Amino acid sequence: MMSPPKKSPPKSIFSRSTKLLGLATNLAQKEIQGLLDSTQKAKLKIEQTKKMVEELGRLKGAAMKAGQMIALEIRDYLPEEARIILEKLQDSGEPAPFSDIESILKRELGETRFSKIENLRSSPLASASIGQVHRADLPLADGTRGAAILKVQFDGIAESIESDLEIFKKISKLMMTLSQKSGDLDPLFDELKGTLLFETDYLLEMENTQKYHSFLQSDPQLSEGVVIPEVIPDFTTKRVLALQYIEAMRFEDWLKTNPGPKQRQWMGEKLLEIHFREFYFWGFVQTDPNFGNFLVIPEISIHDLPKLVLLDFGSMKTYPNEFRKKYVQLIRTIHEHKNEEILKIVFDLGLLSPKESEKTLELFLKLLTHALTPLHPKKQPFDFNDEVFAEQAKTNLIDFIKSLKHSSPPRDLIFLNRKLGGIYRFMRVLKVKINLGSYLERLP
């Protein structure tokens, strides 16, 4: 029996809005029906989550990206089954038909450049929220022909960002209301909108890739063992990004090979050091920490160490020096347990509203103090697989969020917190212990 043909993601704003509004109605009906007992309600939550993932995977674009972010933001409040379903959004969506990809390439590159593409594979290497990746052979700058990848943006994605996000924001607010939660989601969606507008410009991503590469190369010790694919400018447009193809394994597949402690330790320290340099020294942070953006070239050196391949520089955020100085000041003040000064900086940075209750402020101080526990001298080397620390952090966060009444998500920290959470998950799956004592001393 033949499988049904793949459908293109809905392109028009009207058709996408209809899909999203239909999803909202479905979720609301399920939620109202679920006001029975806790077991039935948990099952319906899982059904809702599965339905949302399926629909967003078809829609792609801003709607799917928003779903990915919400999945990261609320993952700790969901049942295990629901988390597993939502995590599928982090990896890939349903691929678009190859005929769509060919059509976009011809239109973007023109017949002359398109005719120079050889061995274009019809099956994508990856399919994500705003585009998918295909392998091909392209002419390179040195006159030779080499293996490359073409990242192709789906039709209608850039045009639908504003309408997709507006409707998905309504869905999210509806889910929060029905779940008896409150909070202003506008800063979250405003920040997401700005990031998505950047991500849909592949010429900007080319510049970001080259800029990040130059930062990395300025530090020979940091760049050792780290690979960034070279951009092929002649085949890059606003909606097509051409990159050198690198033979490597997905990060999760590499983990399944059971790398030894030496390899895991190197990987953990390298990832942590890269992020440390990104934020505190460069002010130029790759904010999408999902496993799919990190590949591994297995042990090939004389030291039996792998190489780390960094991908996707569309989701970058620049943090001004003044903001970073205040952030460092906050870390040092927390470390010194100066509660009054901590709260002053917190209010200045807009992390919390001064209108919050004394209890909320106390819970926030407790949350911050515990979050810095890994830097304490007596905790070195810090065990990232420490279940007691992880459970306490989760409890502190839930208690704090429950007590919030007036504060909105701090837009300047939304993506930074996302990156920090991603790095922490990397450390957890690597099961490493790292001496973090020097990091506090090395803060600029």
Protein backbone atom coordinates (compact mmCIF):
# COMPACT_ATOMS: atom_id res chain seq x y z
CA MET A 1 0.00 0.00 0.00
CA MET A 2 1.45 3.38 -1.02
CA SER A 3 1.99 5.99 1.68
CA PRO A 4 0.09 9.26 1.20
CA PRO A 5 2.08 12.11 -0.40
CA LYS A 6 3.69 14.61 1.95
CA LYS A 7 1.89 17.90 2.27
CA SER A 8 3.57 21.28 2.18
CA PRO A 9 3.23 23.45 5.30
CA PRO A 10 0.27 25.86 4.91
CA LYS A 11 1.63 29.02 3.30
CA SER A 12 -1.14 31.60 3.54
CA ILE A 13 -1.72 33.50 6.75
CA PHE A 14 -5.42 32.60 6.60
CA SER A 15 -4.84 28.84 6.31
CA ARG A 16 -2.17 28.87 9.05
CA SER A 17 -4.43 30.92 11.34
CA THR A 18 -7.31 28.50 10.75
CA LYS A 19 -5.08 25.56 11.71
CA LEU A 20 -3.84 27.29 14.86
CA LEU A 21 -7.29 28.44 15.96
CA GLY A 22 -8.61 24.91 15.38
CA LEU A 23 -5.84 23.61 17.61
CA ALA A 24 -6.75 26.13 20.32
CA THR A 25 -10.42 25.10 20.24
CA ASN A 26 -9.50 21.42 20.43
CA LEU A 27 -7.24 22.00 23.44
CA ALA A 28 -9.86 24.07 25.26
CA GLN A 29 -12.56 21.43 24.74
CA LYS A 30 -10.26 18.68 25.99
CA GLU A 31 -9.32 20.75 29.04
CA ILE A 32 -12.93 21.43 29.99
CA GLN A 33 -13.79 17.75 29.58
CA GLY A 34 -10.84 16.92 31.80
CA LEU A 35 -12.25 18.47 34.97
CA LEU A 36 -12.86 15.02 36.41
CA ASP A 37 -10.24 13.19 38.47
CA SER A 38 -6.46 13.67 38.38
CA THR A 39 -5.74 10.42 36.49
CA GLN A 40 -8.14 11.25 33.65
CA LYS A 41 -6.85 14.81 33.53
CA ALA A 42 -3.21 13.64 33.28
CA LYS A 43 -4.12 11.40 30.35
CA LEU A 44 -5.89 14.27 28.59
CA LYS A 45 -2.85 16.51 29.14
CA ILE A 46 -0.72 13.94 27.33
CA GLU A 47 -3.28 13.72 24.50
CA GLN A 48 -3.26 17.53 24.21
CA THR A 49 0.53 17.64 24.10
CA LYS A 50 0.69 14.96 21.41
CA LYS A 51 -1.93 16.79 19.34
CA MET A 52 -0.04 20.07 19.66
CA VAL A 53 3.26 18.50 18.57
CA GLU A 54 1.62 16.90 15.53
CA GLU A 55 -0.04 20.13 14.42
CA LEU A 56 2.98 22.35 15.03
CA GLY A 57 5.21 19.87 13.23
CA ARG A 58 3.03 20.30 10.14
CA LEU A 59 2.76 24.09 10.40
CA LYS A 60 6.46 24.71 11.02
CA GLY A 61 7.61 28.32 11.13
CA ALA A 62 7.04 30.61 14.08
CA ALA A 63 4.28 28.40 15.47
CA MET A 64 6.59 25.39 15.73
CA LYS A 65 9.46 27.52 17.07
CA ALA A 66 7.17 28.96 19.75
CA GLY A 67 6.15 25.41 20.64
CA GLN A 68 9.82 24.48 21.01
CA MET A 69 10.42 27.37 23.36
CA ILE A 70 7.33 26.70 25.45
CA ALA A 71 8.44 23.05 25.63
CA LEU A 72 11.76 24.17 27.09
CA GLU A 73 10.20 26.69 29.46
CA ILE A 74 7.60 24.35 30.99
CA ARG A 75 9.25 20.93 30.58
CA ASP A 76 9.83 20.51 34.34
CA TYR A 77 6.11 20.87 35.11
CA LEU A 78 4.91 18.10 32.77
CA PRO A 79 4.49 14.35 33.24
CA GLU A 80 7.30 12.20 31.83
CA GLU A 81 5.15 11.00 28.91
CA ALA A 82 4.29 14.55 27.90
CA ARG A 83 7.96 15.64 28.07
CA ILE A 84 8.96 12.80 25.75
CA ILE A 85 6.34 13.87 23.21
CA LEU A 86 7.30 17.56 23.40
CA GLU A 87 11.00 16.83 23.01
CA LYS A 88 10.24 15.61 19.48
CA LEU A 89 9.76 19.28 18.56
CA GLN A 90 13.38 19.97 19.52
CA ASP A 91 14.74 17.63 16.89
CA SER A 92 12.82 17.75 13.65
CA GLY A 93 9.46 18.24 12.03
CA GLU A 94 7.70 16.48 9.19
CA PRO A 95 9.81 17.07 6.03
CA ALA A 96 8.41 19.22 3.23
CA PRO A 97 8.09 17.62 -0.24
CA PHE A 98 11.32 17.59 -2.28
CA SER A 99 9.50 19.29 -5.17
CA ASP A 100 8.99 22.33 -2.90
CA ILE A 101 12.69 22.40 -2.07
CA GLU A 102 13.72 22.22 -5.74
CA SER A 103 11.30 25.01 -6.59
CA ILE A 104 12.70 27.28 -3.85
CA LEU A 105 16.31 26.58 -4.90
CA LYS A 106 15.60 27.38 -8.56
CA ARG A 107 13.84 30.61 -7.64
CA GLU A 108 16.49 31.73 -5.13
CA LEU A 109 19.62 30.74 -7.03
CA GLY A 110 18.45 31.15 -10.60
CA GLU A 111 18.81 28.54 -13.35
CA THR A 112 22.55 29.11 -13.89
CA ARG A 113 23.59 28.50 -10.28
CA PHE A 114 21.01 25.78 -9.79
CA SER A 115 22.42 23.89 -12.79
CA LYS A 116 25.80 23.75 -11.02
CA ILE A 117 24.36 21.72 -8.13
CA GLU A 118 25.11 18.01 -8.48
CA ASN A 119 23.91 14.97 -6.53
CA LEU A 120 21.21 16.88 -4.65
CA ARG A 121 19.74 14.32 -2.26
CA SER A 122 15.96 14.19 -2.11
CA SER A 123 15.89 12.98 1.51
CA PRO A 124 16.70 15.76 3.96
CA LEU A 125 19.47 15.40 6.54
CA ALA A 126 17.25 17.36 8.93
CA SER A 127 13.92 19.16 8.91
CA ALA A 128 13.26 21.88 11.46
CA SER A 129 10.84 24.70 12.12
CA ILE A 130 11.78 27.16 9.39
CA GLY A 131 13.67 25.04 6.85
CA GLN A 132 15.34 21.77 6.03
CA VAL A 133 18.81 20.62 5.05
CA HIS A 134 19.82 18.65 1.94
CA ARG A 135 23.20 17.30 0.92
CA ALA A 136 24.68 18.14 -2.51
CA ASP A 137 27.95 18.67 -4.37
CA LEU A 138 28.88 22.28 -5.13
CA PRO A 139 31.75 24.19 -6.75
CA LEU A 140 34.00 25.63 -4.03
CA ALA A 141 35.99 28.85 -3.89
CA ASP A 142 39.27 27.09 -4.79
CA GLY A 143 37.79 25.80 -8.06
CA THR A 144 37.25 22.23 -6.85
CA ARG A 145 33.92 20.53 -6.26
CA GLY A 146 33.07 19.32 -2.79
CA ALA A 147 30.38 17.95 -0.51
CA ALA A 148 28.06 20.63 0.85
CA ILE A 149 24.75 21.09 2.57
CA LEU A 150 21.96 23.43 1.49
CA LYS A 151 19.75 24.84 4.21
CA VAL A 152 16.52 25.82 2.48
CA GLN A 153 13.85 27.98 4.09
CA PHE A 154 10.21 27.00 3.59
CA ASP A 155 7.86 29.25 1.64
CA GLY A 156 5.78 31.75 3.61
CA ILE A 157 7.73 31.43 6.87
CA ALA A 158 9.06 34.98 7.18
CA GLU A 159 5.70 36.47 6.14
CA SER A 160 3.76 34.45 8.73
CA ILE A 161 5.89 35.18 11.82
CA GLU A 162 3.76 37.95 13.26
CA SER A 163 0.38 36.27 12.72
CA ASP A 164 1.65 32.84 13.87
CA LEU A 165 3.04 34.22 17.10
CA GLU A 166 -0.02 36.31 17.86
CA ILE A 167 -2.30 33.29 17.59
CA PHE A 168 0.08 30.97 19.42
CA LYS A 169 0.30 33.55 22.22
CA LYS A 170 -3.49 33.34 22.55
CA ILE A 171 -3.27 29.54 22.67
CA SER A 172 -0.62 29.73 25.40
CA LYS A 173 -2.65 32.23 27.43
CA LEU A 174 -5.70 30.00 27.07
CA MET A 175 -3.77 26.99 28.33
CA MET A 176 -2.44 29.02 31.28
CA THR A 177 -5.91 30.27 32.18
CA LEU A 178 -7.43 26.81 32.01
CA SER A 179 -4.53 25.51 34.12
CA GLN A 180 -5.20 28.33 36.66
CA LYS A 181 -1.87 30.05 36.01
CA SER A 182 -1.15 33.71 35.31
CA GLY A 183 1.67 35.72 33.83
CA ASP A 184 2.45 38.21 31.06
CA LEU A 185 3.71 36.33 28.00
CA ASP A 186 4.19 39.46 25.87
CA PRO A 187 7.95 39.85 26.61
CA LEU A 188 8.54 36.19 25.75
CA PHE A 189 6.77 36.50 22.41
CA ASP A 190 8.29 39.91 21.60
CA GLU A 191 11.76 38.46 22.09
CA LEU A 192 10.86 35.38 20.06
CA LYS A 193 9.53 37.56 17.24
CA GLY A 194 12.79 39.51 17.01
CA THR A 195 14.87 36.34 17.06
CA LEU A 196 12.77 34.67 14.37
CA LEU A 197 13.04 37.68 12.09
CA PHE A 198 16.83 37.34 12.36
CA GLU A 199 16.68 33.57 11.85
CA THR A 200 14.79 33.88 8.57
CA ASP A 201 17.62 35.97 7.06
CA TYR A 202 20.28 33.49 5.93
CA LEU A 203 22.56 36.29 4.73
CA LEU A 204 22.64 37.46 8.34
CA GLU A 205 23.30 33.89 9.48
CA MET A 206 26.25 33.76 7.08
CA GLU A 207 27.66 36.92 8.71
CA ASN A 208 27.01 35.48 12.19
CA THR A 209 28.83 32.26 11.28
CA GLN A 210 31.86 34.15 10.02
CA LYS A 211 31.84 36.48 13.05
CA TYR A 212 31.59 33.58 15.51
CA HIS A 213 34.38 31.75 13.68
CA SER A 214 36.65 34.80 14.01
CA PHE A 215 35.92 35.03 17.76
CA LEU A 216 36.73 31.35 18.16
CA GLN A 217 39.95 31.53 16.15
CA SER A 218 41.16 34.43 18.30
CA ASP A 219 41.58 31.91 21.13
CA PRO A 220 43.75 28.99 19.89
CA GLN A 221 43.28 26.93 23.06
CA LEU A 222 39.50 27.25 22.92
CA SER A 223 39.29 26.55 19.18
CA GLU A 224 41.39 23.39 19.41
CA GLY A 225 39.13 20.46 18.58
CA VAL A 226 36.21 22.72 17.53
CA VAL A 227 34.93 22.86 13.95
CA ILE A 228 32.57 25.36 12.30
CA PRO A 229 31.49 24.55 8.73
CA GLU A 230 32.63 27.13 6.18
CA VAL A 231 29.97 29.15 4.38
CA ILE A 232 29.83 28.96 0.56
CA PRO A 233 28.80 32.56 -0.32
CA ASP A 234 28.21 31.95 -4.05
CA PHE A 235 25.26 29.66 -3.22
CA THR A 236 23.90 31.62 -0.26
CA THR A 237 20.88 33.95 -0.42
CA LYS A 238 18.41 35.31 2.11
CA ARG A 239 16.56 31.97 2.00
CA VAL A 240 19.30 29.48 1.08
CA LEU A 241 22.44 28.86 3.14
CA ALA A 242 25.24 26.77 1.61
CA LEU A 243 27.81 25.24 3.95
CA GLN A 244 30.72 22.84 3.76
CA TYR A 245 29.58 19.27 4.56
CA ILE A 246 31.36 17.68 7.53
CA GLU A 247 31.16 13.95 8.17
CA ALA A 248 30.15 13.70 11.81
CA MET A 249 27.77 11.99 14.24
CA ARG A 250 24.76 13.47 15.97
CA PHE A 251 25.62 14.27 19.59
CA GLU A 252 23.06 11.78 20.90
CA ASP A 253 24.36 9.04 18.59
CA TRP A 254 27.89 9.68 19.84
CA LEU A 255 26.66 9.23 23.42
CA LYS A 256 25.19 5.86 22.44
CA THR A 257 28.70 4.66 21.52
CA ASN A 258 29.52 4.91 25.24
CA PRO A 259 32.53 7.26 25.00
CA GLY A 260 35.00 6.90 27.86
CA PRO A 261 35.37 9.27 30.83
CA LYS A 262 38.27 11.11 29.15
CA GLN A 263 36.17 11.92 26.05
CA ARG A 264 33.11 12.92 28.10
CA GLN A 265 35.22 15.15 30.34
CA TRP A 266 36.81 16.89 27.36
CA MET A 267 33.40 17.44 25.77
CA GLY A 268 31.86 18.83 28.97
CA GLU A 269 34.74 21.20 29.68
CA LYS A 270 34.82 22.39 26.06
CA LEU A 271 31.07 23.14 25.93
CA LEU A 272 31.20 24.97 29.26
CA GLU A 273 34.25 27.02 28.27
CA ILE A 274 32.73 27.99 24.92
CA HIS A 275 29.61 29.34 26.62
CA PHE A 276 31.73 31.13 29.23
CA ARG A 277 33.63 32.93 26.48
CA GLU A 278 30.46 33.60 24.43
CA PHE A 279 28.66 35.56 27.11
CA TYR A 280 31.26 37.05 29.43
CA PHE A 281 33.88 38.05 26.86
CA TRP A 282 32.36 38.14 23.36
CA GLY A 283 28.79 39.15 24.27
CA PHE A 284 27.74 37.07 21.27
CA VAL A 285 25.71 34.01 22.30
CA GLN A 286 24.32 31.13 20.27
CA THR A 287 20.96 30.77 22.03
CA ASP A 288 19.58 27.52 20.58
CA PRO A 289 21.01 24.75 22.79
CA ASN A 290 19.21 21.72 21.35
CA PHE A 291 21.33 18.62 20.76
CA GLY A 292 20.76 18.80 16.99
CA ASN A 293 23.06 21.86 16.74
CA PHE A 294 26.08 19.91 17.98
CA LEU A 295 27.79 17.15 16.04
CA VAL A 296 30.77 15.03 17.02
CA ILE A 297 33.67 13.69 14.97
CA PRO A 298 34.74 10.60 16.96
CA GLU A 299 38.26 10.08 18.35
CA ILE A 300 40.71 10.73 15.52
CA SER A 301 43.58 12.58 17.20
CA ILE A 302 46.70 11.21 18.86
CA HIS A 303 45.11 12.14 22.19
CA ASP A 304 42.06 9.95 21.45
CA LEU A 305 39.79 12.97 21.79
CA PRO A 306 36.77 13.79 19.60
CA LYS A 307 36.09 17.01 17.73
CA LEU A 308 33.03 19.16 18.36
CA VAL A 309 31.13 20.58 15.38
CA LEU A 310 29.05 23.71 16.04
CA LEU A 311 26.03 24.40 13.83
CA ASP A 312 23.30 27.00 13.36
CA PHE A 313 24.25 30.62 13.96
CA GLY A 314 20.88 32.06 13.02
CA SER A 315 19.74 32.26 16.63
CA MET A 316 22.36 34.66 18.00
CA LYS A 317 21.93 37.35 20.63
CA THR A 318 24.30 40.22 21.36
CA TYR A 319 24.61 41.31 25.00
CA PRO A 320 26.03 44.82 25.55
CA ASN A 321 29.00 45.27 27.86
CA GLU A 322 26.96 47.28 30.39
CA PHE A 323 24.41 44.48 30.77
CA ARG A 324 27.14 41.87 31.18
CA LYS A 325 28.90 43.98 33.84
CA LYS A 326 25.66 44.14 35.87
CA TYR A 327 25.14 40.41 35.44
CA VAL A 328 28.65 39.72 36.76
CA GLN A 329 28.01 42.10 39.64
CA LEU A 330 24.86 40.12 40.46
CA ILE A 331 26.78 36.82 40.52
CA ARG A 332 29.44 38.22 42.83
CA THR A 333 26.82 39.77 45.13
CA ILE A 334 24.92 36.47 45.36
CA HIS A 335 28.17 34.68 46.16
CA GLU A 336 28.78 37.17 49.01
CA HIS A 337 25.17 36.75 50.32
CA LYS A 338 24.45 40.51 50.22
CA ASN A 339 20.67 40.22 49.99
CA GLU A 340 19.81 43.92 49.82
CA GLU A 341 22.33 44.53 47.05
CA ILE A 342 21.11 41.41 45.23
CA LEU A 343 17.54 42.70 45.15
CA LYS A 344 18.64 46.17 44.01
CA ILE A 345 20.46 44.68 41.00
CA VAL A 346 17.55 42.30 40.35
CA PHE A 347 15.13 45.24 40.19
CA ASP A 348 17.55 47.29 38.04
CA LEU A 349 17.82 44.44 35.54
CA GLY A 350 14.05 43.99 35.50
CA LEU A 351 14.26 40.38 36.66
CA LEU A 352 11.58 40.89 39.28
CA SER A 353 8.93 43.49 40.10
CA PRO A 354 9.38 45.39 43.41
CA LYS A 355 5.63 44.82 43.91
CA GLU A 356 6.20 41.14 44.71
CA SER A 357 5.54 39.96 48.28
CA GLU A 358 8.26 39.43 50.90
CA LYS A 359 7.72 35.69 50.56
CA THR A 360 8.33 35.85 46.79
CA LEU A 361 11.51 37.89 47.30
CA GLU A 362 12.75 35.35 49.86
CA LEU A 363 12.01 32.48 47.51
CA PHE A 364 13.87 34.26 44.70
CA LEU A 365 16.92 34.80 46.92
CA LYS A 366 16.82 31.13 47.85
CA LEU A 367 16.59 30.21 44.15
CA LEU A 368 19.57 32.40 43.22
CA THR A 369 21.72 31.24 46.13
CA HIS A 370 21.12 27.59 45.33
CA ALA A 371 21.80 28.19 41.62
CA LEU A 372 25.31 29.38 42.52
CA THR A 373 26.04 26.37 44.74
CA PRO A 374 28.10 24.70 41.96
CA LEU A 375 30.66 27.53 42.25
CA HIS A 376 31.23 27.02 45.99
CA PRO A 377 34.82 25.91 46.81
CA LYS A 378 33.58 22.98 48.92
CA LYS A 379 31.58 21.63 45.95
CA GLN A 380 34.60 21.19 43.65
CA PRO A 381 34.68 19.34 41.37
CA PHE A 382 30.94 19.84 40.94
CA ASP A 383 29.00 16.70 40.01
CA PHE A 384 26.46 17.69 37.35
CA ASN A 385 24.69 14.39 37.94
CA ASP A 386 23.94 15.36 41.55
CA GLU A 387 20.25 14.43 41.88
CA VAL A 388 19.86 16.23 45.22
CA PHE A 389 21.02 19.53 43.66
CA ALA A 390 18.77 19.03 40.62
CA GLU A 391 15.68 18.20 42.68
CA GLN A 392 16.24 21.14 45.02
CA ALA A 393 16.69 23.50 42.06
CA LYS A 394 13.44 22.23 40.56
CA THR A 395 11.58 22.61 43.86
CA ASN A 396 12.93 26.13 44.37
CA LEU A 397 11.89 27.15 40.85
CA ILE A 398 8.37 25.73 41.17
CA ASP A 399 7.84 27.37 44.59
CA PHE A 400 9.05 30.70 43.23
CA ILE A 401 6.91 30.60 40.07
CA LYS A 402 3.81 29.68 42.07
CA SER A 403 4.29 32.73 44.28
CA LEU A 404 4.79 35.24 41.43
CA LYS A 405 2.00 37.77 40.97
CA HIS A 406 3.33 40.86 39.19
CA SER A 407 6.52 39.98 37.29
CA SER A 408 6.85 39.32 33.56
CA PRO A 409 9.50 37.09 31.97
CA PRO A 410 12.67 39.24 31.77
CA ARG A 411 13.17 39.59 28.03
CA ASP A 412 16.94 40.16 28.28
CA LEU A 413 17.38 36.82 30.04
CA ILE A 414 14.86 34.62 28.21
CA PHE A 415 17.36 33.28 25.69
CA LEU A 416 20.33 33.38 28.07
CA ASN A 417 18.44 31.23 30.57
CA ARG A 418 17.48 28.94 27.71
CA LYS A 419 21.16 28.54 26.81
CA LEU A 420 22.19 27.96 30.43
CA GLY A 421 19.49 25.32 30.80
CA GLY A 422 20.72 23.65 27.62
CA ILE A 423 24.35 23.61 28.80
CA TYR A 424 23.25 22.11 32.12
CA ARG A 425 21.40 19.33 30.29
CA PHE A 426 24.53 18.63 28.24
CA MET A 427 26.55 18.29 31.45
CA ARG A 428 23.91 15.99 32.92
CA VAL A 429 23.84 13.57 29.99
CA LEU A 430 27.65 13.60 29.85
CA LYS A 431 27.70 12.70 33.58
CA VAL A 432 30.77 14.82 34.25
CA LYS A 433 32.37 16.40 37.29
CA ILE A 434 34.05 19.73 36.57
CA ASN A 435 36.06 22.04 38.80
CA LEU A 436 34.18 25.33 38.53
CA GLY A 437 36.24 27.25 41.08
CA SER A 438 38.24 29.15 38.49
CA TYR A 439 35.15 30.44 36.68
CA LEU A 440 34.22 32.84 39.49
CA GLU A 441 37.81 34.12 39.65
CA ARG A 442 37.96 34.60 35.86
CA LEU A 443 34.82 36.71 35.56
CA PRO A 444 35.73 40.01 33.86
